[in-house]
């Protein structure tokens, strides 16, 4: 069984893994010579992650709010079938 650290790469083609590794190495080489841009990039990533967390929380809220009515509808349909 794959460990948490390599679970995704174990299920991804070698070609894609090579491409991802190459892209990572390119980014590392870039920031090695442009260290003054690292803080700006980290701030950008923080904003992206904040947006992603907000979207996930909103999706969870939508499910929490609408799930009871969906389950009630399904129960009503089952009850109606039993009556017929």
C-alpha atoms as a PDB file:
ATOM      1  CA  UNK A   1       0.000   0.000   0.000  1.00  0.00           C
ATOM      2  CA  UNK A   2       1.255   3.463  -0.895  1.00  0.00           C
ATOM      3  CA  UNK A   3       2.175   5.800   1.917  1.00  0.00           C
ATOM      4  CA  UNK A   4       0.509   9.180   2.250  1.00  0.00           C
ATOM      5  CA  UNK A   5       3.623  10.833   0.823  1.00  0.00           C
ATOM      6  CA  UNK A   6       3.568   8.853  -2.429  1.00  0.00           C
ATOM      7  CA  UNK A   7      -0.081   7.787  -2.766  1.00  0.00           C
ATOM      8  CA  UNK A   8      -0.901  10.146  -5.654  1.00  0.00           C
ATOM      9  CA  UNK A   9       2.348   9.638  -7.559  1.00  0.00           C
ATOM     10  CA  UNK A  10       1.927   5.856  -7.266  1.00  0.00           C
ATOM     11  CA  UNK A  11      -1.399   6.163  -9.114  1.00  0.00           C
ATOM     12  CA  UNK A  12      -0.122   8.618 -11.742  1.00  0.00           C
ATOM     13  CA  UNK A  13       1.629   7.683 -14.970  1.00  0.00           C
ATOM     14  CA  UNK A  14       5.410   7.862 -15.089  1.00  0.00           C
ATOM     15  CA  UNK A  15       5.192  10.428 -17.885  1.00  0.00           C
ATOM     16  CA  UNK A  16       3.047  12.793 -15.803  1.00  0.00           C
ATOM     17  CA  UNK A  17       5.235  12.257 -12.730  1.00  0.00           C
ATOM     18  CA  UNK A  18       8.331  13.155 -14.799  1.00  0.00           C
ATOM     19  CA  UNK A  19       6.606  16.295 -16.102  1.00  0.00           C
ATOM     20  CA  UNK A  20       5.535  17.347 -12.592  1.00  0.00           C
ATOM     21  CA  UNK A  21       9.037  16.763 -11.248  1.00  0.00           C
ATOM     22  CA  UNK A  22      10.563  18.763 -14.109  1.00  0.00           C
ATOM     23  CA  UNK A  23       8.130  21.653 -13.477  1.00  0.00           C
ATOM     24  CA  UNK A  24       8.940  21.594  -9.758  1.00  0.00           C
ATOM     25  CA  UNK A  25      12.672  21.635 -10.463  1.00  0.00           C
ATOM     26  CA  UNK A  26      12.207  24.547 -12.887  1.00  0.00           C
ATOM     27  CA  UNK A  27      10.302  26.534 -10.256  1.00  0.00           C
ATOM     28  CA  UNK A  28      12.926  25.782  -7.610  1.00  0.00           C
ATOM     29  CA  UNK A  29      15.717  26.871  -9.952  1.00  0.00           C
ATOM     30  CA  UNK A  30      13.819  30.066 -10.778  1.00  0.00           C
ATOM     31  CA  UNK A  31      13.286  31.016  -7.143  1.00  0.00           C
ATOM     32  CA  UNK A  32      16.886  30.118  -6.329  1.00  0.00           C
ATOM     33  CA  UNK A  33      17.928  32.997  -8.568  1.00  0.00           C
ATOM     34  CA  UNK A  34      14.935  35.236  -7.706  1.00  0.00           C
ATOM     35  CA  UNK A  35      14.793  34.846  -3.928  1.00  0.00           C
ATOM     36  CA  UNK A  36      13.353  38.363  -3.598  1.00  0.00           C
ATOM     37  CA  UNK A  37      10.109  37.081  -5.226  1.00  0.00           C
ATOM     38  CA  UNK A  38       9.506  34.223  -2.777  1.00  0.00           C
ATOM     39  CA  UNK A  39       7.504  36.277  -0.247  1.00  0.00           C
ATOM     40  CA  UNK A  40       5.235  37.601  -3.010  1.00  0.00           C
ATOM     41  CA  UNK A  41       4.625  34.075  -4.323  1.00  0.00           C
ATOM     42  CA  UNK A  42       3.872  32.763  -0.829  1.00  0.00           C
ATOM     43  CA  UNK A  43       1.325  35.559  -0.349  1.00  0.00           C
ATOM     44  CA  UNK A  44      -0.315  34.602  -3.670  1.00  0.00           C
ATOM     45  CA  UNK A  45      -0.546  30.972  -2.549  1.00  0.00           C
ATOM     46  CA  UNK A  46      -2.066  32.030   0.788  1.00  0.00           C
ATOM     47  CA  UNK A  47      -4.796  33.941  -1.082  1.00  0.00           C
ATOM     48  CA  UNK A  48      -5.450  30.944  -3.361  1.00  0.00           C
ATOM     49  CA  UNK A  49      -5.710  28.601  -0.380  1.00  0.00           C
ATOM     50  CA  UNK A  50      -8.034  31.044   1.417  1.00  0.00           C
ATOM     51  CA  UNK A  51     -10.327  31.053  -1.614  1.00  0.00           C
ATOM     52  CA  UNK A  52     -10.226  27.256  -1.823  1.00  0.00           C
ATOM     53  CA  UNK A  53     -11.042  26.861   1.883  1.00  0.00           C
ATOM     54  CA  UNK A  54     -13.943  29.323   1.510  1.00  0.00           C
ATOM     55  CA  UNK A  55     -15.343  27.400  -1.449  1.00  0.00           C
ATOM     56  CA  UNK A  56     -15.064  24.113   0.454  1.00  0.00           C
ATOM     57  CA  UNK A  57     -16.823  25.611   3.491  1.00  0.00           C
ATOM     58  CA  UNK A  58     -19.603  27.004   1.303  1.00  0.00           C
ATOM     59  CA  UNK A  59     -20.075  23.656  -0.416  1.00  0.00           C
ATOM     60  CA  UNK A  60     -20.307  21.975   2.959  1.00  0.00           C
ATOM     61  CA  UNK A  61     -22.904  24.509   4.119  1.00  0.00           C
ATOM     62  CA  UNK A  62     -25.010  23.975   1.004  1.00  0.00           C
ATOM     63  CA  UNK A  63     -24.977  20.223   1.618  1.00  0.00           C
ATOM     64  CA  UNK A  64     -25.870  20.675   5.288  1.00  0.00           C
ATOM     65  CA  UNK A  65     -28.761  22.987   4.467  1.00  0.00           C
ATOM     66  CA  UNK A  66     -30.249  21.052   1.546  1.00  0.00           C
ATOM     67  CA  UNK A  67     -29.541  17.458   2.577  1.00  0.00           C
ATOM     68  CA  UNK A  68     -32.493  17.202   5.009  1.00  0.00           C
ATOM     69  CA  UNK A  69     -34.979  18.304   2.337  1.00  0.00           C
ATOM     70  CA  UNK A  70     -33.483  15.893  -0.186  1.00  0.00           C
ATOM     71  CA  UNK A  71     -33.725  13.005   2.272  1.00  0.00           C
ATOM     72  CA  UNK A  72     -37.269  14.013   3.201  1.00  0.00           C
ATOM     73  CA  UNK A  73     -38.249  13.990  -0.477  1.00  0.00           C
ATOM     74  CA  UNK A  74     -36.783  10.526  -0.902  1.00  0.00           C
ATOM     75  CA  UNK A  75     -38.650   9.270   2.183  1.00  0.00           C
ATOM     76  CA  UNK A  76     -41.903  10.771   0.889  1.00  0.00           C
ATOM     77  CA  UNK A  77     -41.456   9.040  -2.455  1.00  0.00           C
ATOM     78  CA  UNK A  78     -40.832   5.734  -0.697  1.00  0.00           C
ATOM     79  CA  UNK A  79     -43.891   6.257   1.541  1.00  0.00           C
ATOM     80  CA  UNK A  80     -46.068   7.057  -1.502  1.00  0.00           C
ATOM     81  CA  UNK A  81     -44.955   3.899  -3.263  1.00  0.00           C
ATOM     82  CA  UNK A  82     -45.888   1.867  -0.212  1.00  0.00           C
ATOM     83  CA  UNK A  83     -49.405   3.385  -0.193  1.00  0.00           C
ATOM     84  CA  UNK A  84     -50.080   2.594  -3.868  1.00  0.00           C
END
